[in-house]
């Protein structure tokens, strides 16, 4: 599956699933020219 996504240059191959920060975590859901959508969880 990963090879298929890489071949299609899908954005999820390059984005980490969850990023941890001192204030909580976030996950990038979608990224295109002009916008980025993230799911944010605060501690």
PDB file of N, CA and C in Angstrom:
ATOM      1  N   UNK A   1       0.819  -1.183   0.000  1.00  0.00           N
ATOM      2  CA  UNK A   1       0.000   0.000   0.000  1.00  0.00           C
ATOM      3  C   UNK A   1       0.867   1.252   0.000  1.00  0.00           C
ATOM      4  N   UNK A   2       1.925   1.252   0.809  1.00  0.00           N
ATOM      5  CA  UNK A   2       2.797   2.420   0.865  1.00  0.00           C
ATOM      6  C   UNK A   2       3.440   2.685  -0.490  1.00  0.00           C
ATOM      7  N   UNK A   3       3.836   1.637  -1.168  1.00  0.00           N
ATOM      8  CA  UNK A   3       4.448   1.803  -2.494  1.00  0.00           C
ATOM      9  C   UNK A   3       3.470   2.422  -3.488  1.00  0.00           C
ATOM     10  N   UNK A   4       2.206   2.041  -3.394  1.00  0.00           N
ATOM     11  CA  UNK A   4       1.187   2.619  -4.278  1.00  0.00           C
ATOM     12  C   UNK A   4       1.027   4.109  -3.984  1.00  0.00           C
ATOM     13  N   UNK A   5       0.960   4.448  -2.678  1.00  0.00           N
ATOM     14  CA  UNK A   5       0.832   5.859  -2.305  1.00  0.00           C
ATOM     15  C   UNK A   5       2.047   6.665  -2.743  1.00  0.00           C
ATOM     16  N   UNK A   6       3.239   6.086  -2.600  1.00  0.00           N
ATOM     17  CA  UNK A   6       4.459   6.774  -3.046  1.00  0.00           C
ATOM     18  C   UNK A   6       4.433   6.998  -4.552  1.00  0.00           C
ATOM     19  N   UNK A   7       4.014   5.999  -5.297  1.00  0.00           N
ATOM     20  CA  UNK A   7       3.954   6.117  -6.756  1.00  0.00           C
ATOM     21  C   UNK A   7       2.985   7.208  -7.182  1.00  0.00           C
ATOM     22  N   UNK A   8       1.915   7.372  -6.424  1.00  0.00           N
ATOM     23  CA  UNK A   8       0.926   8.412  -6.724  1.00  0.00           C
ATOM     24  C   UNK A   8       1.280   9.748  -6.097  1.00  0.00           C
ATOM     25  N   UNK A   9       2.428   9.791  -5.389  1.00  0.00           N
ATOM     26  CA  UNK A   9       2.906  11.002  -4.703  1.00  0.00           C
ATOM     27  C   UNK A   9       1.848  11.547  -3.747  1.00  0.00           C
ATOM     28  N   UNK A  10       1.237  10.628  -3.008  1.00  0.00           N
ATOM     29  CA  UNK A  10       0.200  11.008  -2.044  1.00  0.00           C
ATOM     30  C   UNK A  10       0.844  11.688  -0.841  1.00  0.00           C
ATOM     31  N   UNK A  11       0.187  12.728  -0.318  1.00  0.00           N
ATOM     32  CA  UNK A  11       0.749  13.545   0.767  1.00  0.00           C
ATOM     33  C   UNK A  11       0.936  12.779   2.074  1.00  0.00           C
ATOM     34  N   UNK A  12       0.169  11.736   2.318  1.00  0.00           N
ATOM     35  CA  UNK A  12       0.268  11.019   3.584  1.00  0.00           C
ATOM     36  C   UNK A  12       1.590  10.277   3.741  1.00  0.00           C
ATOM     37  N   UNK A  13       2.284  10.045   2.655  1.00  0.00           N
ATOM     38  CA  UNK A  13       3.579   9.368   2.731  1.00  0.00           C
ATOM     39  C   UNK A  13       4.601  10.259   3.444  1.00  0.00           C
ATOM     40  N   UNK A  14       4.511  11.563   3.265  1.00  0.00           N
ATOM     41  CA  UNK A  14       5.489  12.489   3.824  1.00  0.00           C
ATOM     42  C   UNK A  14       5.080  13.100   5.158  1.00  0.00           C
ATOM     43  N   UNK A  15       3.813  12.994   5.531  1.00  0.00           N
ATOM     44  CA  UNK A  15       3.337  13.621   6.756  1.00  0.00           C
ATOM     45  C   UNK A  15       3.366  12.629   7.910  1.00  0.00           C
ATOM     46  N   UNK A  16       3.869  13.051   9.062  1.00  0.00           N
ATOM     47  CA  UNK A  16       3.822  12.151  10.221  1.00  0.00           C
ATOM     48  C   UNK A  16       2.373  11.984  10.683  1.00  0.00           C
ATOM     49  N   UNK A  17       2.062  10.822  11.237  1.00  0.00           N
ATOM     50  CA  UNK A  17       0.692  10.554  11.666  1.00  0.00           C
ATOM     51  C   UNK A  17       0.285  11.500  12.793  1.00  0.00           C
ATOM     52  N   UNK A  18       1.121  11.597  13.822  1.00  0.00           N
ATOM     53  CA  UNK A  18       0.821  12.466  14.962  1.00  0.00           C
ATOM     54  C   UNK A  18       2.110  13.152  15.389  1.00  0.00           C
ATOM     55  N   UNK A  19       2.027  14.452  15.611  1.00  0.00           N
ATOM     56  CA  UNK A  19       3.171  15.233  16.073  1.00  0.00           C
ATOM     57  C   UNK A  19       2.926  15.602  17.530  1.00  0.00           C
ATOM     58  N   UNK A  20       3.894  15.312  18.385  1.00  0.00           N
ATOM     59  CA  UNK A  20       3.770  15.592  19.818  1.00  0.00           C
ATOM     60  C   UNK A  20       4.470  16.904  20.151  1.00  0.00           C
ATOM     61  N   UNK A  21       3.789  17.753  20.893  1.00  0.00           N
ATOM     62  CA  UNK A  21       4.317  19.033  21.361  1.00  0.00           C
ATOM     63  C   UNK A  21       4.051  19.144  22.852  1.00  0.00           C
ATOM     64  N   UNK A  22       4.716  20.072  23.548  1.00  0.00           N
ATOM     65  CA  UNK A  22       4.474  20.221  24.992  1.00  0.00           C
ATOM     66  C   UNK A  22       3.016  20.542  25.330  1.00  0.00           C
ATOM     67  N   UNK A  23       2.305  21.206  24.454  1.00  0.00           N
ATOM     68  CA  UNK A  23       0.920  21.606  24.705  1.00  0.00           C
ATOM     69  C   UNK A  23      -0.095  20.550  24.290  1.00  0.00           C
ATOM     70  N   UNK A  24       0.326  19.504  23.573  1.00  0.00           N
ATOM     71  CA  UNK A  24      -0.585  18.457  23.112  1.00  0.00           C
ATOM     72  C   UNK A  24      -0.068  17.807  21.844  1.00  0.00           C
ATOM     73  N   UNK A  25      -0.978  17.382  20.993  1.00  0.00           N
ATOM     74  CA  UNK A  25      -0.605  16.726  19.744  1.00  0.00           C
ATOM     75  C   UNK A  25      -1.441  17.279  18.591  1.00  0.00           C
ATOM     76  N   UNK A  26      -0.937  17.052  17.371  1.00  0.00           N
ATOM     77  CA  UNK A  26      -1.742  17.381  16.188  1.00  0.00           C
ATOM     78  C   UNK A  26      -1.419  16.413  15.066  1.00  0.00           C
ATOM     79  N   UNK A  27      -2.370  16.256  14.189  1.00  0.00           N
ATOM     80  CA  UNK A  27      -2.205  15.424  13.003  1.00  0.00           C
ATOM     81  C   UNK A  27      -2.648  16.239  11.795  1.00  0.00           C
ATOM     82  N   UNK A  28      -1.847  16.231  10.759  1.00  0.00           N
ATOM     83  CA  UNK A  28      -2.218  16.920   9.526  1.00  0.00           C
ATOM     84  C   UNK A  28      -3.183  16.031   8.750  1.00  0.00           C
ATOM     85  N   UNK A  29      -4.347  16.571   8.450  1.00  0.00           N
ATOM     86  CA  UNK A  29      -5.370  15.806   7.748  1.00  0.00           C
ATOM     87  C   UNK A  29      -5.330  16.022   6.247  1.00  0.00           C
ATOM     88  N   UNK A  30      -5.066  17.263   5.838  1.00  0.00           N
ATOM     89  CA  UNK A  30      -5.064  17.600   4.412  1.00  0.00           C
ATOM     90  C   UNK A  30      -4.207  18.825   4.208  1.00  0.00           C
ATOM     91  N   UNK A  31      -3.417  18.826   3.143  1.00  0.00           N
ATOM     92  CA  UNK A  31      -2.571  19.979   2.838  1.00  0.00           C
ATOM     93  C   UNK A  31      -2.560  20.203   1.332  1.00  0.00           C
ATOM     94  N   UNK A  32      -2.965  21.405   0.944  1.00  0.00           N
ATOM     95  CA  UNK A  32      -2.958  21.801  -0.467  1.00  0.00           C
ATOM     96  C   UNK A  32      -2.492  23.239  -0.556  1.00  0.00           C
ATOM     97  N   UNK A  33      -2.351  23.736  -1.766  1.00  0.00           N
ATOM     98  CA  UNK A  33      -1.946  25.125  -1.944  1.00  0.00           C
ATOM     99  C   UNK A  33      -2.956  26.043  -1.268  1.00  0.00           C
ATOM    100  N   UNK A  34      -2.496  26.850  -0.341  1.00  0.00           N
ATOM    101  CA  UNK A  34      -3.356  27.835   0.293  1.00  0.00           C
ATOM    102  C   UNK A  34      -4.009  27.416   1.593  1.00  0.00           C
ATOM    103  N   UNK A  35      -3.971  26.122   1.957  1.00  0.00           N
ATOM    104  CA  UNK A  35      -4.563  25.747   3.238  1.00  0.00           C
ATOM    105  C   UNK A  35      -3.974  24.441   3.758  1.00  0.00           C
ATOM    106  N   UNK A  36      -4.136  24.256   5.053  1.00  0.00           N
ATOM    107  CA  UNK A  36      -3.720  23.038   5.732  1.00  0.00           C
ATOM    108  C   UNK A  36      -4.747  22.756   6.828  1.00  0.00           C
ATOM    109  N   UNK A  37      -5.268  21.551   6.883  1.00  0.00           N
ATOM    110  CA  UNK A  37      -6.235  21.176   7.918  1.00  0.00           C
ATOM    111  C   UNK A  37      -5.551  20.220   8.893  1.00  0.00           C
ATOM    112  N   UNK A  38      -5.715  20.512  10.197  1.00  0.00           N
ATOM    113  CA  UNK A  38      -5.109  19.681  11.225  1.00  0.00           C
ATOM    114  C   UNK A  38      -6.129  19.333  12.294  1.00  0.00           C
ATOM    115  N   UNK A  39      -5.932  18.202  12.929  1.00  0.00           N
ATOM    116  CA  UNK A  39      -6.712  17.826  14.115  1.00  0.00           C
ATOM    117  C   UNK A  39      -5.808  18.071  15.308  1.00  0.00           C
ATOM    118  N   UNK A  40      -6.264  18.908  16.247  1.00  0.00           N
ATOM    119  CA  UNK A  40      -5.452  19.332  17.386  1.00  0.00           C
ATOM    120  C   UNK A  40      -6.070  18.819  18.682  1.00  0.00           C
ATOM    121  N   UNK A  41      -5.224  18.268  19.554  1.00  0.00           N
ATOM    122  CA  UNK A  41      -5.644  17.813  20.886  1.00  0.00           C
ATOM    123  C   UNK A  41      -4.768  18.514  21.913  1.00  0.00           C
ATOM    124  N   UNK A  42      -5.385  19.312  22.792  1.00  0.00           N
ATOM    125  CA  UNK A  42      -4.644  19.992  23.844  1.00  0.00           C
ATOM    126  C   UNK A  42      -4.668  19.148  25.109  1.00  0.00           C
ATOM    127  N   UNK A  43      -3.588  19.268  25.871  1.00  0.00           N
ATOM    128  CA  UNK A  43      -3.521  18.560  27.156  1.00  0.00           C
ATOM    129  C   UNK A  43      -4.269  19.294  28.223  1.00  0.00           C
TER     130      UNK A  43
END
